Amino acid sequence: MKEVADHHQPRIEVHPLLKITVLWPSGAREMLGGAVPEAPHVTRVISAYSSAYVLPAAEGAADYIVIDAGMDTEARNIRATLAELGAAAVGAIFITHGHLDHVKGVNSLGAADIYVSDHDEPYLLGHKRAEGFIGTLAGKLPQKARPDRERVKLVGNGQEVMVGEKTVRAYHLPGHTSGSMAYVVDGVLFVGDALYFKQNGHAGLSPAPLNWDSQVAASSLSVLLEQLDRDGIEISAVVPSHSGAGTLDAVRVLADSDQRG
């Protein structure tokens, strides 16, 4: 595993205009960098207008797991945070989905394996645009940000990946993109852009214009909950990419309301 590169000056976290035009109107819980209160071993890193998460691959380990790679091709905020935490290397990167604000930093985080679904692999490799309005608007991943094919590992529903002493369990969660994935590590459920939490603690789906298929997004939450229950997975916190964390109970309420609707 390649050592984490020296970091440059961190970039601005969330532009004030974005807060005013997007985050505040949605009622989303504020995204704050640093240790996640609901899961203190997890550190949130704000990269432009998205989040990445880092956590140690073992107790006291210098190798870290990274969930998503942010919007910055130099991954400045992620590398700065890893350096502050004393990380020597990135053990693995797990991509929730292939939109640019989740993948552009992969080439600046060392030579670690990158896990992504087969549906979203073409976006990560720059072969085509991601689905939906956002994918069409953003275009293909720039050449500079495209990883070598040898680093990319496909991950499927229910698959477990060992990184150091940690088990990362993957669940297919389509809707935002057809290949969106959720990951469970140490009881923390990382859901990418599948949902967000409002200031009152309620959960909501990503706005329809941002999704590949909002109907699929709603139904896949119910499937995910059934899988977690069947597998006996206890979730202490649910962590999305565009809001603060929340509870699995709030996700159950959202899934129930979508089924009734």
Protein backbone atom coordinates (compact mmCIF):
# COMPACT_ATOMS: atom_id res chain seq x y z
CA MET A 1 0.00 0.00 0.00
CA LYS A 2 1.30 3.40 -0.96
CA GLU A 3 1.78 5.98 1.74
CA VAL A 4 -0.65 8.87 2.00
CA ALA A 5 0.83 11.76 0.05
CA ASP A 6 1.68 15.08 1.67
CA HIS A 7 -1.40 17.27 1.71
CA HIS A 8 -1.79 20.74 0.26
CA GLN A 9 -3.75 23.61 1.74
CA PRO A 10 -7.30 22.35 2.42
CA ARG A 11 -9.97 23.81 0.14
CA ILE A 12 -13.12 25.61 1.26
CA GLU A 13 -15.55 23.11 2.76
CA VAL A 14 -19.04 24.12 1.64
CA HIS A 15 -19.48 27.28 -0.42
CA PRO A 16 -21.89 29.74 1.27
CA LEU A 17 -23.93 30.05 -1.93
CA LEU A 18 -24.52 26.30 -1.92
CA LYS A 19 -25.74 26.43 1.67
CA ILE A 20 -28.21 29.18 0.81
CA THR A 21 -29.51 27.71 -2.44
CA VAL A 22 -29.47 23.95 -1.77
CA LEU A 23 -28.72 22.80 1.77
CA TRP A 24 -30.84 25.21 3.80
CA PRO A 25 -34.00 24.92 1.62
CA SER A 26 -33.82 21.11 1.87
CA GLY A 27 -33.91 21.31 5.66
CA ALA A 28 -30.89 19.01 5.80
CA ARG A 29 -28.91 18.63 8.99
CA GLU A 30 -25.71 20.64 8.83
CA MET A 31 -22.68 18.79 7.48
CA LEU A 32 -19.81 19.30 9.89
CA GLY A 33 -16.32 17.96 9.38
CA GLY A 34 -14.62 15.98 12.11
CA ALA A 35 -15.61 13.06 14.31
CA VAL A 36 -19.22 11.98 13.77
CA PRO A 37 -20.95 12.34 17.18
CA GLU A 38 -23.10 9.26 16.57
CA ALA A 39 -20.01 7.24 15.56
CA PRO A 40 -16.89 8.88 17.08
CA HIS A 41 -14.47 6.46 15.43
CA VAL A 42 -15.66 7.77 12.04
CA THR A 43 -14.38 11.10 10.74
CA ARG A 44 -16.35 13.11 8.21
CA VAL A 45 -14.38 15.05 5.61
CA ILE A 46 -16.13 17.75 3.61
CA SER A 47 -14.90 17.89 0.02
CA ALA A 48 -16.48 20.79 -1.88
CA TYR A 49 -20.19 19.99 -1.46
CA SER A 50 -19.99 16.29 -0.59
CA SER A 51 -18.64 14.12 2.22
CA ALA A 52 -16.07 11.39 2.50
CA TYR A 53 -15.56 9.28 5.60
CA VAL A 54 -12.40 7.80 7.07
CA LEU A 55 -11.97 5.25 9.85
CA PRO A 56 -9.09 3.09 11.08
CA ALA A 57 -8.77 -0.41 9.67
CA ALA A 58 -7.92 -1.70 13.17
CA GLU A 59 -7.70 -0.40 16.72
CA GLY A 60 -4.78 2.00 16.76
CA ALA A 61 -3.97 1.20 13.14
CA ALA A 62 -2.13 3.53 10.78
CA ASP A 63 -4.07 2.16 7.78
CA TYR A 64 -7.46 3.71 7.09
CA ILE A 65 -10.65 2.82 5.24
CA VAL A 66 -12.06 5.60 3.06
CA ILE A 67 -15.73 5.77 2.06
CA ASP A 68 -16.01 7.92 -1.11
CA ALA A 69 -13.27 10.19 -2.44
CA GLY A 70 -14.86 13.62 -2.78
CA MET A 71 -15.03 16.25 -5.50
CA ASP A 72 -11.44 17.50 -5.34
CA THR A 73 -9.07 15.72 -7.73
CA GLU A 74 -6.24 16.39 -5.26
CA ALA A 75 -8.31 15.13 -2.30
CA ARG A 76 -6.80 17.93 -0.20
CA ASN A 77 -9.25 17.81 2.69
CA ILE A 78 -9.18 14.02 2.84
CA ARG A 79 -5.39 13.87 2.86
CA ALA A 80 -5.17 16.67 5.39
CA THR A 81 -7.52 14.80 7.70
CA LEU A 82 -5.68 11.49 7.28
CA ALA A 83 -2.41 13.22 8.12
CA GLU A 84 -3.92 14.79 11.24
CA LEU A 85 -5.17 11.35 12.32
CA GLY A 86 -1.70 9.85 11.87
CA ALA A 87 -2.68 7.64 8.95
CA ALA A 88 0.25 6.10 7.10
CA ALA A 89 -1.74 4.59 4.23
CA VAL A 90 -5.21 4.04 2.83
CA GLY A 91 -6.09 0.35 3.01
CA ALA A 92 -9.11 0.50 0.69
CA ILE A 93 -11.57 2.95 -0.85
CA PHE A 94 -15.27 2.13 -1.09
CA ILE A 95 -17.41 4.08 -3.54
CA THR A 96 -21.13 4.48 -2.78
CA HIS A 97 -21.87 5.59 -6.36
CA GLY A 98 -20.17 7.00 -9.42
CA HIS A 99 -21.17 10.67 -9.38
CA LEU A 100 -18.19 12.99 -9.69
CA ASP A 101 -18.49 14.44 -6.19
CA HIS A 102 -17.81 10.97 -4.79
CA VAL A 103 -14.97 9.72 -6.98
CA LYS A 104 -12.71 12.52 -8.22
CA GLY A 105 -10.12 12.13 -5.44
CA VAL A 106 -9.35 8.42 -5.88
CA ASN A 107 -6.00 8.97 -7.63
CA SER A 108 -4.70 11.21 -4.85
CA LEU A 109 -5.17 8.67 -2.06
CA GLY A 110 -2.35 6.27 -2.79
CA ALA A 111 -2.52 2.94 -4.59
CA ALA A 112 -5.27 1.28 -2.53
CA ASP A 113 -7.90 -0.97 -4.11
CA ILE A 114 -11.13 0.81 -5.02
CA TYR A 115 -14.41 -1.05 -4.53
CA VAL A 116 -17.44 -0.14 -6.66
CA SER A 117 -20.51 -1.87 -8.08
CA ASP A 118 -20.43 -3.30 -11.58
CA HIS A 119 -23.19 -0.86 -12.59
CA ASP A 120 -21.14 2.20 -11.63
CA GLU A 121 -17.70 0.94 -12.59
CA PRO A 122 -17.92 2.55 -16.09
CA TYR A 123 -18.42 5.98 -14.48
CA LEU A 124 -15.36 5.50 -12.25
CA LEU A 125 -13.25 4.49 -15.24
CA GLY A 126 -14.53 7.41 -17.32
CA HIS A 127 -16.12 5.22 -19.97
CA LYS A 128 -19.45 7.05 -19.83
CA ARG A 129 -21.47 9.64 -17.96
CA ALA A 130 -23.46 8.64 -14.91
CA GLU A 131 -27.20 8.20 -15.32
CA GLY A 132 -29.76 10.92 -14.75
CA PHE A 133 -29.74 14.69 -14.88
CA ILE A 134 -26.70 15.13 -12.64
CA GLY A 135 -24.63 12.62 -14.58
CA THR A 136 -25.52 14.23 -17.90
CA LEU A 137 -24.75 17.69 -16.56
CA ALA A 138 -21.42 16.71 -14.98
CA GLY A 139 -20.05 14.64 -17.85
CA LYS A 140 -17.43 11.92 -17.69
CA LEU A 141 -14.78 11.65 -15.02
CA PRO A 142 -11.73 13.68 -16.12
CA GLN A 143 -8.75 11.69 -17.38
CA LYS A 144 -6.57 12.87 -14.48
CA ALA A 145 -9.00 11.38 -11.96
CA ARG A 146 -9.47 7.98 -13.61
CA PRO A 147 -7.81 5.12 -11.71
CA ASP A 148 -5.93 2.24 -13.28
CA ARG A 149 -8.28 -0.64 -14.05
CA GLU A 150 -6.15 -2.99 -11.93
CA ARG A 151 -7.06 -1.06 -8.77
CA VAL A 152 -10.81 -1.34 -9.32
CA LYS A 153 -12.55 -4.25 -7.61
CA LEU A 154 -16.21 -5.05 -8.13
CA VAL A 155 -18.33 -5.45 -5.02
CA GLY A 156 -21.80 -7.00 -4.92
CA ASN A 157 -24.81 -7.25 -2.68
CA GLY A 158 -24.06 -9.01 0.60
CA GLN A 159 -20.34 -9.25 -0.10
CA GLU A 160 -17.88 -8.86 2.78
CA VAL A 161 -14.42 -7.33 2.35
CA MET A 162 -11.77 -7.53 5.04
CA VAL A 163 -9.57 -4.46 5.43
CA GLY A 164 -7.09 -4.90 8.26
CA GLU A 165 -9.23 -6.13 11.16
CA LYS A 166 -12.43 -4.54 9.87
CA THR A 167 -15.20 -6.18 7.88
CA VAL A 168 -16.91 -3.98 5.30
CA ARG A 169 -20.26 -5.41 4.27
CA ALA A 170 -21.79 -4.16 1.02
CA TYR A 171 -25.46 -3.81 0.08
CA HIS A 172 -26.87 -2.85 -3.31
CA LEU A 173 -29.04 0.24 -2.84
CA PRO A 174 -30.16 1.32 -6.34
CA GLY A 175 -32.13 4.46 -7.05
CA HIS A 176 -29.80 7.42 -6.88
CA THR A 177 -27.78 5.54 -9.51
CA SER A 178 -28.50 2.00 -10.66
CA GLY A 179 -25.36 0.80 -8.92
CA SER A 180 -25.50 2.75 -5.67
CA MET A 181 -24.12 0.80 -2.72
CA ALA A 182 -24.42 1.06 1.05
CA TYR A 183 -21.65 -0.15 3.35
CA VAL A 184 -21.72 -1.31 6.98
CA VAL A 185 -18.59 -1.05 9.11
CA ASP A 186 -18.70 -1.51 12.90
CA GLY A 187 -22.46 -0.96 12.98
CA VAL A 188 -22.32 2.28 10.98
CA LEU A 189 -24.34 2.32 7.76
CA PHE A 190 -22.94 4.54 5.00
CA VAL A 191 -25.67 5.28 2.45
CA GLY A 192 -24.14 7.84 0.08
CA ASP A 193 -26.87 9.91 -1.57
CA ALA A 194 -29.67 7.39 -1.06
CA LEU A 195 -31.21 9.64 1.60
CA TYR A 196 -30.55 12.57 3.91
CA PHE A 197 -31.61 13.59 7.40
CA LYS A 198 -33.58 16.73 8.11
CA GLN A 199 -33.01 19.03 11.05
CA ASN A 200 -35.93 17.38 12.89
CA GLY A 201 -34.27 13.96 12.56
CA HIS A 202 -36.66 12.66 9.90
CA ALA A 203 -35.21 10.97 6.83
CA GLY A 204 -35.95 11.97 3.25
CA LEU A 205 -35.04 10.68 -0.19
CA SER A 206 -32.71 12.68 -2.40
CA PRO A 207 -34.72 15.07 -4.61
CA ALA A 208 -36.16 13.34 -7.67
CA PRO A 209 -34.19 15.37 -10.27
CA LEU A 210 -30.97 14.08 -8.72
CA ASN A 211 -31.96 10.40 -8.89
CA TRP A 212 -31.75 7.83 -11.64
CA ASP A 213 -35.12 6.45 -10.45
CA SER A 214 -36.80 7.76 -7.30
CA GLN A 215 -39.36 4.93 -7.23
CA VAL A 216 -36.54 2.39 -7.18
CA ALA A 217 -34.76 4.49 -4.56
CA ALA A 218 -37.79 4.25 -2.27
CA SER A 219 -38.34 0.52 -2.75
CA SER A 220 -34.66 -0.34 -2.32
CA LEU A 221 -34.69 1.14 1.19
CA SER A 222 -37.28 -1.44 2.21
CA VAL A 223 -35.17 -4.20 0.67
CA LEU A 224 -32.10 -2.95 2.52
CA LEU A 225 -33.92 -2.96 5.86
CA GLU A 226 -35.11 -6.52 5.25
CA GLN A 227 -31.56 -7.61 4.44
CA LEU A 228 -30.11 -5.96 7.54
CA ASP A 229 -32.76 -7.62 9.72
CA ARG A 230 -32.23 -10.98 8.08
CA ASP A 231 -28.47 -10.75 8.50
CA GLY A 232 -28.83 -9.70 12.14
CA ILE A 233 -26.89 -6.47 11.55
CA GLU A 234 -27.37 -3.88 14.29
CA ILE A 235 -26.98 -0.30 13.10
CA SER A 236 -25.91 2.38 15.57
CA ALA A 237 -25.85 5.27 13.08
CA VAL A 238 -26.82 5.97 9.47
CA VAL A 239 -24.43 8.31 7.70
CA PRO A 240 -25.35 9.98 4.38
CA SER A 241 -23.17 12.18 2.21
CA HIS A 242 -25.12 15.44 2.19
CA SER A 243 -26.40 15.83 5.75
CA GLY A 244 -25.58 14.97 9.32
CA ALA A 245 -26.11 11.42 10.60
CA GLY A 246 -29.37 9.91 11.83
CA THR A 247 -31.00 6.71 13.02
CA LEU A 248 -32.14 3.51 11.37
CA ASP A 249 -35.56 4.03 12.99
CA ALA A 250 -35.96 7.22 10.95
CA VAL A 251 -35.12 5.25 7.81
CA ARG A 252 -37.77 2.67 8.74
CA VAL A 253 -40.36 5.43 9.06
CA LEU A 254 -39.40 6.77 5.63
CA ALA A 255 -39.58 3.31 4.06
CA ASP A 256 -42.98 2.62 5.66
CA SER A 257 -44.39 5.94 4.44
CA ASP A 258 -43.16 5.29 0.91
CA GLN A 259 -44.78 1.86 0.91
CA ARG A 260 -48.10 3.30 2.10
CA GLY A 261 -47.87 6.09 -0.45
